[in-house]
Amino acid sequence: MKREQMEAIAAKAEQLAISTLDVEDKQFWAEMELDLYNEYLDQLRTGDNQWLRSWIGQEIAEGSREAVEIMKMWIRSELPVAA
């Protein structure tokens, strides 16, 4: 997966996460000073992305079109490039 693809996926996932957080969750993340974009990007970079994949799958199961688009991007990024 190329860096640009990882960055695009991380950005979309961050947008989705923020849009689904309630007030208490937003406050928790703010107190933890956790940057969701960099967290997701790190997971993609290291390949330790089971949590991210699972969360996106749950969002898809709940009917999130945004999550479907993120998964499509992810799948496309893992397809071999035609020579």
N, C-alpha and C. Protein backbone atom coordinates (compact mmCIF):
# COMPACT_ATOMS: atom_id res chain seq x y z
N MET A 1 0.85 -1.17 0.00
CA MET A 1 0.00 0.00 0.00
C MET A 1 0.90 1.24 0.00
N LYS A 2 0.58 2.18 -0.87
CA LYS A 2 1.36 3.41 -0.97
C LYS A 2 0.99 4.36 0.17
N ARG A 3 1.94 5.23 0.48
CA ARG A 3 1.74 6.19 1.56
C ARG A 3 0.50 7.06 1.33
N GLU A 4 0.32 7.51 0.08
CA GLU A 4 -0.83 8.35 -0.25
C GLU A 4 -2.14 7.62 0.03
N GLN A 5 -2.16 6.33 -0.28
CA GLN A 5 -3.36 5.52 -0.03
C GLN A 5 -3.61 5.38 1.46
N MET A 6 -2.54 5.14 2.21
CA MET A 6 -2.68 5.03 3.67
C MET A 6 -3.20 6.34 4.25
N GLU A 7 -2.66 7.45 3.78
CA GLU A 7 -3.09 8.75 4.28
C GLU A 7 -4.56 9.02 3.97
N ALA A 8 -4.99 8.65 2.77
CA ALA A 8 -6.39 8.87 2.39
C ALA A 8 -7.33 8.01 3.24
N ILE A 9 -6.95 6.77 3.47
CA ILE A 9 -7.77 5.87 4.29
C ILE A 9 -7.82 6.38 5.73
N ALA A 10 -6.68 6.78 6.27
CA ALA A 10 -6.63 7.29 7.65
C ALA A 10 -7.49 8.54 7.79
N ALA A 11 -7.45 9.43 6.81
CA ALA A 11 -8.23 10.66 6.87
C ALA A 11 -9.72 10.36 6.84
N LYS A 12 -10.14 9.46 5.94
CA LYS A 12 -11.57 9.09 5.86
C LYS A 12 -12.02 8.41 7.14
N ALA A 13 -11.18 7.53 7.69
CA ALA A 13 -11.54 6.83 8.92
C ALA A 13 -11.66 7.81 10.08
N GLU A 14 -10.77 8.80 10.13
CA GLU A 14 -10.86 9.81 11.18
C GLU A 14 -12.17 10.59 11.06
N GLN A 15 -12.53 10.99 9.86
CA GLN A 15 -13.78 11.73 9.65
C GLN A 15 -14.98 10.90 10.10
N LEU A 16 -14.97 9.62 9.75
CA LEU A 16 -16.07 8.74 10.15
C LEU A 16 -16.12 8.60 11.66
N ALA A 17 -14.97 8.39 12.28
CA ALA A 17 -14.92 8.22 13.73
C ALA A 17 -15.45 9.46 14.45
N ILE A 18 -15.01 10.62 14.02
CA ILE A 18 -15.44 11.85 14.66
C ILE A 18 -16.95 12.05 14.49
N SER A 19 -17.46 11.69 13.32
CA SER A 19 -18.89 11.89 13.07
C SER A 19 -19.76 10.94 13.89
N THR A 20 -19.19 9.86 14.37
CA THR A 20 -19.99 8.89 15.12
C THR A 20 -19.80 8.99 16.63
N LEU A 21 -18.89 9.85 17.09
CA LEU A 21 -18.64 9.98 18.52
C LEU A 21 -19.73 10.81 19.19
N ASP A 22 -20.09 10.39 20.39
CA ASP A 22 -21.00 11.24 21.17
C ASP A 22 -20.15 12.21 22.00
N VAL A 23 -20.80 13.07 22.74
CA VAL A 23 -20.10 14.12 23.50
C VAL A 23 -19.10 13.53 24.48
N GLU A 24 -19.49 12.48 25.19
CA GLU A 24 -18.59 11.87 26.18
C GLU A 24 -17.36 11.27 25.50
N ASP A 25 -17.58 10.59 24.37
CA ASP A 25 -16.45 10.00 23.66
C ASP A 25 -15.50 11.07 23.14
N LYS A 26 -16.05 12.17 22.60
CA LYS A 26 -15.20 13.25 22.11
C LYS A 26 -14.37 13.84 23.24
N GLN A 27 -14.99 13.97 24.40
CA GLN A 27 -14.27 14.51 25.56
C GLN A 27 -13.16 13.55 25.99
N PHE A 28 -13.45 12.25 25.98
CA PHE A 28 -12.46 11.24 26.35
C PHE A 28 -11.25 11.32 25.42
N TRP A 29 -11.51 11.35 24.09
CA TRP A 29 -10.40 11.40 23.13
C TRP A 29 -9.61 12.68 23.30
N ALA A 30 -10.28 13.78 23.58
CA ALA A 30 -9.59 15.06 23.78
C ALA A 30 -8.68 14.99 25.01
N GLU A 31 -9.19 14.40 26.09
CA GLU A 31 -8.39 14.27 27.31
C GLU A 31 -7.20 13.35 27.10
N MET A 32 -7.37 12.33 26.29
CA MET A 32 -6.27 11.39 26.01
C MET A 32 -5.26 11.99 25.02
N GLU A 33 -5.66 13.11 24.41
CA GLU A 33 -4.83 13.76 23.40
C GLU A 33 -4.41 12.79 22.30
N LEU A 34 -5.35 11.93 21.92
CA LEU A 34 -5.08 10.95 20.88
C LEU A 34 -5.52 11.52 19.54
N ASP A 35 -4.62 11.49 18.60
CA ASP A 35 -4.87 11.96 17.25
C ASP A 35 -5.31 10.76 16.43
N LEU A 36 -6.60 10.68 16.12
CA LEU A 36 -7.13 9.52 15.42
C LEU A 36 -6.47 9.31 14.06
N TYR A 37 -6.23 10.38 13.32
CA TYR A 37 -5.59 10.26 12.02
C TYR A 37 -4.25 9.55 12.14
N ASN A 38 -3.40 10.03 13.03
CA ASN A 38 -2.08 9.42 13.18
C ASN A 38 -2.17 8.01 13.76
N GLU A 39 -3.15 7.77 14.61
CA GLU A 39 -3.35 6.42 15.14
C GLU A 39 -3.69 5.45 14.01
N TYR A 40 -4.63 5.83 13.16
CA TYR A 40 -5.01 4.97 12.04
C TYR A 40 -3.87 4.82 11.04
N LEU A 41 -3.17 5.91 10.76
CA LEU A 41 -2.05 5.86 9.84
C LEU A 41 -0.97 4.92 10.37
N ASP A 42 -0.71 4.99 11.65
CA ASP A 42 0.28 4.10 12.27
C ASP A 42 -0.15 2.64 12.14
N GLN A 43 -1.43 2.37 12.37
CA GLN A 43 -1.92 1.00 12.23
C GLN A 43 -1.75 0.49 10.80
N LEU A 44 -2.01 1.34 9.83
CA LEU A 44 -1.85 0.95 8.43
C LEU A 44 -0.38 0.75 8.08
N ARG A 45 0.45 1.64 8.60
CA ARG A 45 1.89 1.57 8.32
C ARG A 45 2.53 0.30 8.87
N THR A 46 2.15 -0.06 10.10
CA THR A 46 2.77 -1.20 10.76
C THR A 46 2.13 -2.53 10.40
N GLY A 47 0.94 -2.47 9.82
CA GLY A 47 0.23 -3.71 9.50
C GLY A 47 -0.54 -4.27 10.68
N ASP A 48 -0.45 -3.60 11.82
CA ASP A 48 -1.19 -4.02 13.02
C ASP A 48 -2.54 -3.30 13.01
N ASN A 49 -3.41 -3.72 12.08
CA ASN A 49 -4.64 -2.98 11.85
C ASN A 49 -5.90 -3.80 12.10
N GLN A 50 -5.80 -4.83 12.89
CA GLN A 50 -6.95 -5.67 13.19
C GLN A 50 -8.07 -4.84 13.84
N TRP A 51 -7.71 -3.95 14.77
CA TRP A 51 -8.72 -3.13 15.42
C TRP A 51 -9.42 -2.24 14.42
N LEU A 52 -8.66 -1.60 13.54
CA LEU A 52 -9.23 -0.70 12.54
C LEU A 52 -10.15 -1.45 11.58
N ARG A 53 -9.71 -2.60 11.10
CA ARG A 53 -10.55 -3.42 10.21
C ARG A 53 -11.83 -3.85 10.91
N SER A 54 -11.71 -4.26 12.15
CA SER A 54 -12.88 -4.71 12.91
C SER A 54 -13.88 -3.57 13.09
N TRP A 55 -13.37 -2.40 13.45
CA TRP A 55 -14.24 -1.24 13.65
C TRP A 55 -14.95 -0.86 12.35
N ILE A 56 -14.22 -0.83 11.24
CA ILE A 56 -14.83 -0.50 9.96
C ILE A 56 -15.89 -1.55 9.61
N GLY A 57 -15.61 -2.82 9.88
CA GLY A 57 -16.59 -3.88 9.64
C GLY A 57 -17.86 -3.67 10.45
N GLN A 58 -17.71 -3.25 11.69
CA GLN A 58 -18.88 -2.98 12.53
C GLN A 58 -19.68 -1.81 11.96
N GLU A 59 -18.99 -0.79 11.50
CA GLU A 59 -19.68 0.35 10.91
C GLU A 59 -20.43 -0.06 9.64
N ILE A 60 -19.82 -0.94 8.86
CA ILE A 60 -20.49 -1.45 7.65
C ILE A 60 -21.74 -2.22 8.04
N ALA A 61 -21.62 -3.07 9.06
CA ALA A 61 -22.76 -3.85 9.52
C ALA A 61 -23.90 -2.97 10.01
N GLU A 62 -23.56 -1.78 10.51
CA GLU A 62 -24.58 -0.84 10.98
C GLU A 62 -25.12 0.04 9.86
N GLY A 63 -24.64 -0.19 8.63
CA GLY A 63 -25.18 0.52 7.47
C GLY A 63 -24.44 1.77 7.05
N SER A 64 -23.23 1.96 7.50
CA SER A 64 -22.47 3.16 7.16
C SER A 64 -21.91 3.08 5.74
N ARG A 65 -22.40 3.97 4.89
CA ARG A 65 -21.89 4.03 3.50
C ARG A 65 -20.44 4.53 3.48
N GLU A 66 -20.12 5.42 4.42
CA GLU A 66 -18.75 5.93 4.49
C GLU A 66 -17.77 4.80 4.79
N ALA A 67 -18.17 3.89 5.68
CA ALA A 67 -17.31 2.75 6.02
C ALA A 67 -17.13 1.83 4.81
N VAL A 68 -18.18 1.67 4.02
CA VAL A 68 -18.08 0.86 2.80
C VAL A 68 -17.06 1.49 1.86
N GLU A 69 -17.11 2.80 1.72
CA GLU A 69 -16.16 3.50 0.84
C GLU A 69 -14.73 3.34 1.34
N ILE A 70 -14.54 3.41 2.65
CA ILE A 70 -13.19 3.23 3.22
C ILE A 70 -12.70 1.82 2.92
N MET A 71 -13.56 0.82 3.10
CA MET A 71 -13.14 -0.55 2.83
C MET A 71 -12.84 -0.76 1.35
N LYS A 72 -13.61 -0.13 0.47
CA LYS A 72 -13.31 -0.22 -0.96
C LYS A 72 -11.92 0.35 -1.25
N MET A 73 -11.63 1.52 -0.65
CA MET A 73 -10.31 2.13 -0.84
C MET A 73 -9.22 1.19 -0.36
N TRP A 74 -9.46 0.57 0.78
CA TRP A 74 -8.48 -0.34 1.38
C TRP A 74 -8.25 -1.54 0.48
N ILE A 75 -9.32 -2.13 0.00
CA ILE A 75 -9.21 -3.30 -0.88
C ILE A 75 -8.47 -2.93 -2.16
N ARG A 76 -8.85 -1.81 -2.75
CA ARG A 76 -8.17 -1.38 -3.98
C ARG A 76 -6.67 -1.16 -3.75
N SER A 77 -6.32 -0.65 -2.59
CA SER A 77 -4.91 -0.38 -2.31
C SER A 77 -4.09 -1.65 -2.17
N GLU A 78 -4.76 -2.76 -1.88
CA GLU A 78 -4.05 -4.02 -1.71
C GLU A 78 -4.04 -4.87 -2.97
N LEU A 79 -4.75 -4.43 -4.01
CA LEU A 79 -4.75 -5.18 -5.27
C LEU A 79 -3.42 -4.96 -5.98
N PRO A 80 -2.94 -6.01 -6.66
CA PRO A 80 -1.68 -5.84 -7.39
C PRO A 80 -1.89 -4.85 -8.55
N VAL A 81 -0.88 -4.05 -8.80
CA VAL A 81 -0.93 -3.08 -9.87
C VAL A 81 -0.59 -3.78 -11.18
N ALA A 82 -1.42 -3.56 -12.18
CA ALA A 82 -1.17 -4.17 -13.50
C ALA A 82 0.05 -3.53 -14.13
N ALA A 83 0.87 -4.36 -14.73
CA ALA A 83 2.10 -3.85 -15.34
C ALA A 83 1.85 -3.22 -16.68
